[in-house]
Structure formats: structure tokens, C-alpha cells
Amino acid sequence: LEHPRTGKKSLYGMNRGVFLVQPLGSAAPGSELLRRAEGSEAFEDASVVKELRSLLPHATRPEFVVRWEWAAGDLVVWDNRCTMHCPTGFDHDRHTREIGR
């Protein structure tokens, strides 16, 4: 996909919820396929590995990764349209987490 503002190529939908990758303009998955994508018996179509998971080594290269070291007063903003988020440990006993969208 292209980022709607910058026009740069970006990945979208790269998370555990993706079960199928289809070409742009193709028909939406049918109800049977959608049913198979939910619950304890959920499957992941081979298209996910071919089209998305194979890009992970490139997308997670050091020049594309930010690991934030929090300090008091920090505010971090990112663009969810082209960001992969992988949280690290958070000490809920010592800190309050506030999230706004």
C-alpha cells in the first residue's frame, strides 16, 4: 500500500489478526472463510506467509525500529496506518498507562 499522505510504500495489517492476503480489487472473503478465521480452530492462509511474514526480516531491520526508553513527561505519537507495534514489559504496579486515540 501507499501511505495516503506521503505516497511512500508501507505495510498495513501486519499483525496476528491477519489470516488472508488478497490482491487489491478482488472479492471479499465469503462467510465460510471468515468463520474459519475465528476461534480456537482459526487458520492462517499461506498467502499471509508469502505476502506479509516474508517481509518481517526487512521491516524489522534496525534502521526501521524505535525502542523507546520512557522518561517522565514523555509523549510518543505514531501513525497507526504504517506502524507495527510490539510492546515490551510494562510495570503496571509502578506506573499508570494512559492511551488516547
N, C-alpha and C. Protein backbone atom coordinates (compact mmCIF):
# COMPACT_ATOMS: atom_id res chain seq x y z
N LEU A 1 0.83 -1.19 0.00
CA LEU A 1 0.00 0.00 0.00
C LEU A 1 0.87 1.24 0.00
N GLU A 2 0.28 2.33 -0.40
CA GLU A 2 0.96 3.62 -0.31
C GLU A 2 0.36 4.41 0.84
N HIS A 3 1.23 5.10 1.58
CA HIS A 3 0.77 5.95 2.66
C HIS A 3 -0.08 7.05 2.04
N PRO A 4 -1.27 7.32 2.58
CA PRO A 4 -2.17 8.28 1.94
C PRO A 4 -1.66 9.72 1.93
N ARG A 5 -0.74 10.04 2.79
CA ARG A 5 -0.24 11.41 2.84
C ARG A 5 1.10 11.58 2.13
N THR A 6 2.03 10.65 2.37
CA THR A 6 3.38 10.80 1.81
C THR A 6 3.55 10.12 0.47
N GLY A 7 2.70 9.13 0.17
CA GLY A 7 2.83 8.37 -1.06
C GLY A 7 3.89 7.29 -1.00
N LYS A 8 4.59 7.18 0.15
CA LYS A 8 5.62 6.14 0.29
C LYS A 8 4.96 4.78 0.47
N LYS A 9 5.65 3.75 0.00
CA LYS A 9 5.13 2.39 0.18
C LYS A 9 5.18 2.03 1.65
N SER A 10 4.14 1.34 2.10
CA SER A 10 4.07 0.94 3.50
C SER A 10 3.33 -0.38 3.62
N LEU A 11 3.54 -1.03 4.75
CA LEU A 11 2.83 -2.26 5.07
C LEU A 11 1.63 -1.91 5.92
N TYR A 12 0.55 -2.64 5.74
CA TYR A 12 -0.62 -2.41 6.55
C TYR A 12 -1.23 -3.76 6.89
N GLY A 13 -1.68 -3.89 8.12
CA GLY A 13 -2.33 -5.13 8.51
C GLY A 13 -1.37 -6.21 8.95
N MET A 14 -0.17 -5.83 9.32
CA MET A 14 0.85 -6.80 9.70
C MET A 14 0.72 -7.10 11.19
N ASN A 15 -0.25 -7.92 11.54
CA ASN A 15 -0.42 -8.30 12.94
C ASN A 15 -1.00 -9.70 13.02
N ARG A 16 -1.22 -10.17 14.22
CA ARG A 16 -1.70 -11.54 14.41
C ARG A 16 -3.12 -11.74 13.92
N GLY A 17 -3.83 -10.65 13.65
CA GLY A 17 -5.20 -10.76 13.20
C GLY A 17 -5.34 -11.02 11.71
N VAL A 18 -4.25 -10.96 10.97
CA VAL A 18 -4.32 -11.18 9.52
C VAL A 18 -4.38 -12.67 9.24
N PHE A 19 -5.37 -13.09 8.45
CA PHE A 19 -5.47 -14.50 8.12
C PHE A 19 -5.45 -14.75 6.62
N LEU A 20 -5.53 -13.69 5.81
CA LEU A 20 -5.61 -13.84 4.37
C LEU A 20 -5.14 -12.56 3.70
N VAL A 21 -4.37 -12.70 2.62
CA VAL A 21 -3.95 -11.55 1.82
C VAL A 21 -4.48 -11.77 0.41
N GLN A 22 -5.22 -10.79 -0.10
CA GLN A 22 -5.79 -10.89 -1.44
C GLN A 22 -5.37 -9.69 -2.27
N PRO A 23 -5.31 -9.85 -3.57
CA PRO A 23 -4.98 -8.71 -4.43
C PRO A 23 -6.02 -7.61 -4.32
N LEU A 24 -5.57 -6.38 -4.43
CA LEU A 24 -6.46 -5.23 -4.40
C LEU A 24 -7.53 -5.38 -5.48
N GLY A 25 -8.76 -5.13 -5.11
CA GLY A 25 -9.86 -5.21 -6.07
C GLY A 25 -10.53 -6.57 -6.14
N SER A 26 -9.97 -7.58 -5.48
CA SER A 26 -10.61 -8.91 -5.52
C SER A 26 -11.80 -8.93 -4.56
N ALA A 27 -12.66 -9.90 -4.74
CA ALA A 27 -13.87 -10.01 -3.92
C ALA A 27 -13.51 -10.27 -2.46
N ALA A 28 -14.35 -9.77 -1.57
CA ALA A 28 -14.14 -10.00 -0.14
C ALA A 28 -14.31 -11.49 0.17
N PRO A 29 -13.64 -11.97 1.22
CA PRO A 29 -13.79 -13.39 1.58
C PRO A 29 -15.24 -13.69 1.95
N GLY A 30 -15.67 -14.89 1.63
CA GLY A 30 -17.03 -15.31 1.94
C GLY A 30 -17.21 -15.65 3.41
N SER A 31 -18.45 -15.87 3.81
CA SER A 31 -18.76 -16.11 5.22
C SER A 31 -18.10 -17.39 5.74
N GLU A 32 -17.99 -18.43 4.91
CA GLU A 32 -17.36 -19.67 5.37
C GLU A 32 -15.88 -19.44 5.68
N LEU A 33 -15.19 -18.73 4.83
CA LEU A 33 -13.77 -18.43 5.07
C LEU A 33 -13.61 -17.57 6.32
N LEU A 34 -14.48 -16.61 6.50
CA LEU A 34 -14.41 -15.76 7.69
C LEU A 34 -14.67 -16.56 8.96
N ARG A 35 -15.59 -17.51 8.92
CA ARG A 35 -15.86 -18.37 10.08
C ARG A 35 -14.62 -19.18 10.45
N ARG A 36 -13.89 -19.66 9.43
CA ARG A 36 -12.69 -20.47 9.68
C ARG A 36 -11.56 -19.65 10.27
N ALA A 37 -11.65 -18.32 10.20
CA ALA A 37 -10.58 -17.45 10.68
C ALA A 37 -10.76 -17.06 12.15
N GLU A 38 -11.80 -17.56 12.80
CA GLU A 38 -12.08 -17.19 14.18
C GLU A 38 -12.04 -18.39 15.11
N GLY A 39 -11.85 -18.10 16.38
CA GLY A 39 -11.94 -19.13 17.41
C GLY A 39 -10.69 -19.97 17.55
N SER A 40 -10.82 -21.04 18.33
CA SER A 40 -9.67 -21.90 18.65
C SER A 40 -9.15 -22.67 17.44
N GLU A 41 -9.97 -22.84 16.42
CA GLU A 41 -9.56 -23.58 15.22
C GLU A 41 -9.15 -22.64 14.08
N ALA A 42 -8.85 -21.39 14.39
CA ALA A 42 -8.53 -20.40 13.37
C ALA A 42 -7.32 -20.84 12.54
N PHE A 43 -7.35 -20.47 11.28
CA PHE A 43 -6.26 -20.82 10.38
C PHE A 43 -5.62 -19.55 9.83
N GLU A 44 -4.44 -19.70 9.27
CA GLU A 44 -3.77 -18.61 8.58
C GLU A 44 -3.46 -19.10 7.18
N ASP A 45 -4.00 -18.43 6.19
CA ASP A 45 -3.81 -18.81 4.80
C ASP A 45 -2.34 -18.68 4.41
N ALA A 46 -1.88 -19.52 3.49
CA ALA A 46 -0.49 -19.47 3.02
C ALA A 46 -0.13 -18.11 2.43
N SER A 47 -1.13 -17.35 1.98
CA SER A 47 -0.87 -16.02 1.41
C SER A 47 -0.28 -15.07 2.44
N VAL A 48 -0.58 -15.28 3.72
CA VAL A 48 -0.04 -14.41 4.76
C VAL A 48 1.47 -14.60 4.87
N VAL A 49 1.91 -15.85 4.86
CA VAL A 49 3.35 -16.13 4.92
C VAL A 49 4.03 -15.59 3.68
N LYS A 50 3.44 -15.85 2.53
CA LYS A 50 4.05 -15.43 1.26
C LYS A 50 4.12 -13.91 1.14
N GLU A 51 3.05 -13.22 1.47
CA GLU A 51 2.97 -11.78 1.22
C GLU A 51 3.40 -10.90 2.39
N LEU A 52 3.17 -11.33 3.63
CA LEU A 52 3.47 -10.46 4.77
C LEU A 52 4.61 -10.95 5.64
N ARG A 53 4.50 -12.17 6.14
CA ARG A 53 5.50 -12.66 7.08
C ARG A 53 6.90 -12.71 6.45
N SER A 54 6.96 -12.92 5.15
CA SER A 54 8.26 -12.95 4.49
C SER A 54 8.93 -11.56 4.50
N LEU A 55 8.16 -10.51 4.74
CA LEU A 55 8.70 -9.16 4.78
C LEU A 55 9.21 -8.75 6.16
N LEU A 56 8.92 -9.55 7.19
CA LEU A 56 9.32 -9.19 8.55
C LEU A 56 10.82 -8.96 8.72
N PRO A 57 11.69 -9.81 8.17
CA PRO A 57 13.12 -9.53 8.34
C PRO A 57 13.53 -8.14 7.81
N HIS A 58 12.94 -7.72 6.72
CA HIS A 58 13.25 -6.39 6.19
C HIS A 58 12.62 -5.30 7.07
N ALA A 59 11.34 -5.46 7.38
CA ALA A 59 10.61 -4.43 8.12
C ALA A 59 11.13 -4.21 9.53
N THR A 60 11.80 -5.19 10.10
CA THR A 60 12.29 -5.07 11.47
C THR A 60 13.81 -4.82 11.53
N ARG A 61 14.38 -4.38 10.42
CA ARG A 61 15.80 -4.03 10.42
C ARG A 61 16.03 -2.84 11.36
N PRO A 62 17.22 -2.74 11.95
CA PRO A 62 17.48 -1.68 12.93
C PRO A 62 17.13 -0.27 12.47
N GLU A 63 17.32 0.05 11.21
CA GLU A 63 17.03 1.41 10.76
C GLU A 63 15.54 1.73 10.72
N PHE A 64 14.68 0.71 10.88
CA PHE A 64 13.24 0.93 10.89
C PHE A 64 12.62 0.75 12.27
N VAL A 65 13.43 0.47 13.27
CA VAL A 65 12.93 0.14 14.60
C VAL A 65 13.23 1.26 15.59
N VAL A 66 12.24 1.59 16.40
CA VAL A 66 12.43 2.52 17.51
C VAL A 66 12.06 1.78 18.79
N ARG A 67 12.95 1.81 19.73
CA ARG A 67 12.66 1.26 21.06
C ARG A 67 12.74 2.42 22.03
N TRP A 68 11.61 2.77 22.59
CA TRP A 68 11.50 3.96 23.41
C TRP A 68 11.89 3.67 24.84
N GLU A 69 12.80 4.49 25.38
CA GLU A 69 13.16 4.45 26.80
C GLU A 69 12.37 5.58 27.48
N TRP A 70 11.31 5.21 28.17
CA TRP A 70 10.41 6.20 28.74
C TRP A 70 11.06 7.02 29.83
N ALA A 71 10.71 8.30 29.87
CA ALA A 71 11.10 9.21 30.93
C ALA A 71 9.88 10.04 31.30
N ALA A 72 9.87 10.58 32.52
CA ALA A 72 8.74 11.37 32.98
C ALA A 72 8.45 12.49 32.00
N GLY A 73 7.16 12.65 31.65
CA GLY A 73 6.73 13.71 30.76
C GLY A 73 6.77 13.36 29.28
N ASP A 74 7.23 12.17 28.93
CA ASP A 74 7.30 11.78 27.53
C ASP A 74 5.91 11.64 26.91
N LEU A 75 5.83 12.01 25.67
CA LEU A 75 4.64 11.81 24.84
C LEU A 75 5.14 11.23 23.53
N VAL A 76 4.63 10.08 23.15
CA VAL A 76 5.05 9.44 21.91
C VAL A 76 3.84 9.35 20.99
N VAL A 77 4.02 9.75 19.75
CA VAL A 77 2.95 9.73 18.75
C VAL A 77 3.45 8.97 17.54
N TRP A 78 2.61 8.11 16.98
CA TRP A 78 2.98 7.39 15.77
C TRP A 78 1.77 7.28 14.86
N ASP A 79 2.01 6.91 13.64
CA ASP A 79 0.97 6.79 12.62
C ASP A 79 0.56 5.33 12.52
N ASN A 80 -0.62 5.00 13.02
CA ASN A 80 -1.08 3.61 13.02
C ASN A 80 -1.28 3.04 11.62
N ARG A 81 -1.31 3.89 10.61
CA ARG A 81 -1.51 3.41 9.25
C ARG A 81 -0.29 2.66 8.73
N CYS A 82 0.86 2.86 9.34
CA CYS A 82 2.07 2.19 8.84
C CYS A 82 3.06 1.91 9.97
N THR A 83 2.54 1.47 11.11
CA THR A 83 3.39 1.17 12.26
C THR A 83 3.09 -0.23 12.76
N MET A 84 4.14 -1.00 13.00
CA MET A 84 4.00 -2.28 13.70
C MET A 84 4.37 -2.01 15.14
N HIS A 85 3.56 -2.44 16.06
CA HIS A 85 3.79 -2.18 17.47
C HIS A 85 3.97 -3.49 18.20
N CYS A 86 5.05 -3.58 18.93
CA CYS A 86 5.33 -4.77 19.73
C CYS A 86 5.71 -4.30 21.13
N PRO A 87 4.77 -4.32 22.05
CA PRO A 87 5.07 -3.80 23.38
C PRO A 87 6.06 -4.69 24.13
N THR A 88 6.83 -4.05 24.97
CA THR A 88 7.73 -4.79 25.86
C THR A 88 7.10 -4.75 27.25
N GLY A 89 7.77 -5.29 28.21
CA GLY A 89 7.22 -5.34 29.57
C GLY A 89 6.83 -3.97 30.09
N PHE A 90 5.75 -3.92 30.83
CA PHE A 90 5.26 -2.68 31.43
C PHE A 90 4.94 -2.96 32.88
N ASP A 91 5.47 -2.16 33.78
CA ASP A 91 5.28 -2.36 35.21
C ASP A 91 3.99 -1.66 35.65
N HIS A 92 2.89 -2.39 35.61
CA HIS A 92 1.58 -1.82 35.95
C HIS A 92 1.49 -1.44 37.43
N ASP A 93 2.31 -2.04 38.27
CA ASP A 93 2.27 -1.73 39.70
C ASP A 93 2.93 -0.38 40.01
N ARG A 94 3.88 0.03 39.19
CA ARG A 94 4.62 1.27 39.45
C ARG A 94 4.16 2.45 38.59
N HIS A 95 3.48 2.17 37.46
CA HIS A 95 3.16 3.24 36.51
C HIS A 95 1.71 3.17 36.08
N THR A 96 1.20 4.32 35.68
CA THR A 96 -0.15 4.42 35.12
C THR A 96 0.01 4.59 33.61
N ARG A 97 -0.74 3.81 32.87
CA ARG A 97 -0.68 3.89 31.42
C ARG A 97 -1.92 4.60 30.91
N GLU A 98 -1.70 5.67 30.14
CA GLU A 98 -2.81 6.42 29.56
C GLU A 98 -2.69 6.36 28.05
N ILE A 99 -3.77 6.00 27.39
CA ILE A 99 -3.75 5.87 25.94
C ILE A 99 -4.91 6.69 25.36
N GLY A 100 -4.61 7.45 24.34
CA GLY A 100 -5.64 8.21 23.66
C GLY A 100 -5.56 7.96 22.16
N ARG A 101 -6.68 7.95 21.51
CA ARG A 101 -6.71 7.75 20.06
C ARG A 101 -7.54 8.83 19.42
